[in-house]
Protein backbone atom coordinates (compact mmCIF):
# COMPACT_ATOMS: atom_id res chain seq x y z
CA UNK A 1 30.47 15.40 -20.85
CA UNK A 2 29.57 12.10 -22.54
CA UNK A 3 31.05 10.16 -19.62
CA UNK A 4 28.92 12.14 -17.14
CA UNK A 5 25.76 11.48 -19.15
CA UNK A 6 26.58 7.79 -19.40
CA UNK A 7 27.16 7.56 -15.64
CA UNK A 8 23.88 9.37 -14.95
CA UNK A 9 22.04 7.00 -17.29
CA UNK A 10 23.56 3.92 -15.63
CA UNK A 11 22.64 5.32 -12.21
CA UNK A 12 19.03 5.89 -13.26
CA UNK A 13 18.82 2.37 -14.68
CA UNK A 14 20.12 0.94 -11.42
CA UNK A 15 17.47 2.84 -9.47
CA UNK A 16 14.73 1.51 -11.74
CA UNK A 17 15.94 -2.03 -11.17
CA UNK A 18 15.35 -1.74 -7.41
CA UNK A 19 11.85 -0.26 -7.60
CA UNK A 20 8.94 -2.47 -8.53
CA UNK A 21 5.20 -2.03 -8.92
CA UNK A 22 2.79 -3.70 -6.55
CA UNK A 23 -0.97 -3.89 -6.91
CA UNK A 24 -2.97 -4.43 -3.72
CA UNK A 25 -6.60 -5.48 -3.97
CA UNK A 26 -8.85 -5.68 -0.91
CA UNK A 27 -11.06 -8.69 -1.52
CA UNK A 28 -13.10 -8.31 1.68
CA UNK A 29 -13.88 -5.33 3.90
CA UNK A 30 -15.58 -5.36 7.32
CA UNK A 31 -19.36 -4.98 7.10
CA UNK A 32 -19.22 -1.81 9.19
CA UNK A 33 -16.96 0.01 6.70
CA UNK A 34 -18.68 3.34 5.99
CA UNK A 35 -19.50 3.42 2.27
CA UNK A 36 -18.55 7.09 1.96
CA UNK A 37 -15.06 6.80 3.48
CA UNK A 38 -11.93 6.14 1.45
CA UNK A 39 -9.51 3.36 2.33
CA UNK A 40 -5.81 4.24 2.38
CA UNK A 41 -2.68 2.11 2.44
CA UNK A 42 0.03 3.46 4.73
CA UNK A 43 3.54 2.17 5.26
CA UNK A 44 7.27 2.65 5.18
CA UNK A 45 6.94 3.61 1.50
CA UNK A 46 5.01 6.84 2.26
CA UNK A 47 6.38 7.92 5.64
CA UNK A 48 3.52 6.21 7.53
CA UNK A 49 1.11 9.01 6.55
CA UNK A 50 -2.36 7.52 7.30
CA UNK A 51 -4.21 10.03 5.13
CA UNK A 52 -1.85 10.43 2.16
CA UNK A 53 -4.11 11.24 -0.82
CA UNK A 54 -1.61 9.56 -3.16
CA UNK A 55 -2.37 6.23 -1.43
CA UNK A 56 -6.17 6.08 -1.59
CA UNK A 57 -7.48 2.83 -3.01
CA UNK A 58 -9.82 3.25 -5.98
CA UNK A 59 -12.60 0.91 -7.03
CA UNK A 60 -11.48 -1.46 -9.78
CA UNK A 61 -13.67 -2.90 -12.54
CA UNK A 62 -14.85 -5.66 -10.17
CA UNK A 63 -15.88 -3.07 -7.57
CA UNK A 64 -13.00 -3.87 -5.20
CA UNK A 65 -10.64 -1.31 -3.63
CA UNK A 66 -7.31 -1.40 -5.46
CA UNK A 67 -4.05 0.54 -5.68
CA UNK A 68 -0.84 0.17 -7.66
CA UNK A 69 2.36 1.85 -6.50
CA UNK A 70 6.13 1.52 -6.63
CA UNK A 71 8.18 0.30 -3.70
CA UNK A 72 11.37 -1.60 -3.02
CA UNK A 73 12.72 -4.18 -0.61
CA UNK A 74 10.47 -5.43 2.15
CA UNK A 75 7.56 -3.13 2.84
CA UNK A 76 5.55 -2.82 6.03
CA UNK A 77 2.01 -1.50 5.78
CA UNK A 78 -1.51 -1.20 7.17
CA UNK A 79 -4.83 0.16 5.98
CA UNK A 80 -6.71 3.14 7.41
CA UNK A 81 -9.75 5.20 6.60
CA UNK A 82 -7.61 8.34 6.69
CA UNK A 83 -6.33 8.49 10.28
CA UNK A 84 -4.72 6.34 12.96
CA UNK A 85 -8.08 6.38 14.78
CA UNK A 86 -9.51 4.35 11.90
CA UNK A 87 -6.67 1.86 11.39
CA UNK A 88 -7.44 -1.76 10.58
CA UNK A 89 -7.67 -4.21 13.46
CA UNK A 90 -7.53 -7.92 14.16
CA UNK A 91 -10.54 -10.27 14.14
CA UNK A 92 -11.70 -8.78 17.48
CA UNK A 93 -11.19 -5.13 16.52
CA UNK A 94 -7.94 -4.87 18.49
CA UNK A 95 -4.35 -4.13 17.56
CA UNK A 96 -3.03 -5.74 14.37
CA UNK A 97 0.76 -5.78 13.79
CA UNK A 98 2.11 -4.30 10.58
CA UNK A 99 1.70 -6.39 7.47
CA UNK A 100 4.92 -7.18 5.61
CA UNK A 101 5.58 -8.02 1.99
CA UNK A 102 8.83 -8.69 0.13
CA UNK A 103 8.79 -6.85 -3.17
CA UNK A 104 9.52 -9.11 -6.11
CA UNK A 105 7.72 -12.15 -4.70
CA UNK A 106 4.52 -11.24 -6.57
CA UNK A 107 3.09 -8.27 -8.40
CA UNK A 108 -0.46 -8.51 -7.01
CA UNK A 109 -1.44 -8.95 -3.40
CA UNK A 110 -5.03 -9.77 -2.37
CA UNK A 111 -5.86 -8.93 1.24
CA UNK A 112 -8.75 -9.12 3.69
CA UNK A 113 -9.36 -6.41 6.27
CA UNK A 114 -10.81 -8.11 9.34
CA UNK A 115 -12.00 -5.05 11.30
CA UNK A 116 -11.38 -1.41 12.12
CA UNK A 117 -10.06 -0.42 15.54
CA UNK A 118 -12.73 2.28 15.90
């Protein structure tokens, strides 16, 4: 019994070592961002669900959208306003490839959203 508990504890510790916290802060939003719509982060860490309520960015003390979550490895992500119709776009409002970030290289990531595809 003690050996099983020890193995379970070691396993849980090893899982914790691979998961890290990341804070994302949006330092600039497009001017046409509707003030009453939430901004979501979507990626390989939440099954690419564009309207996942667990991944809504909240306003921080400086008034900027911010979220902190746990992830591991290299993450791919984008921002939406709750659906794929409102996904972020490039400087011309067109398709923007997924963003990537290697967990462990920093604990805070400041980003700019250039436009929305809609």
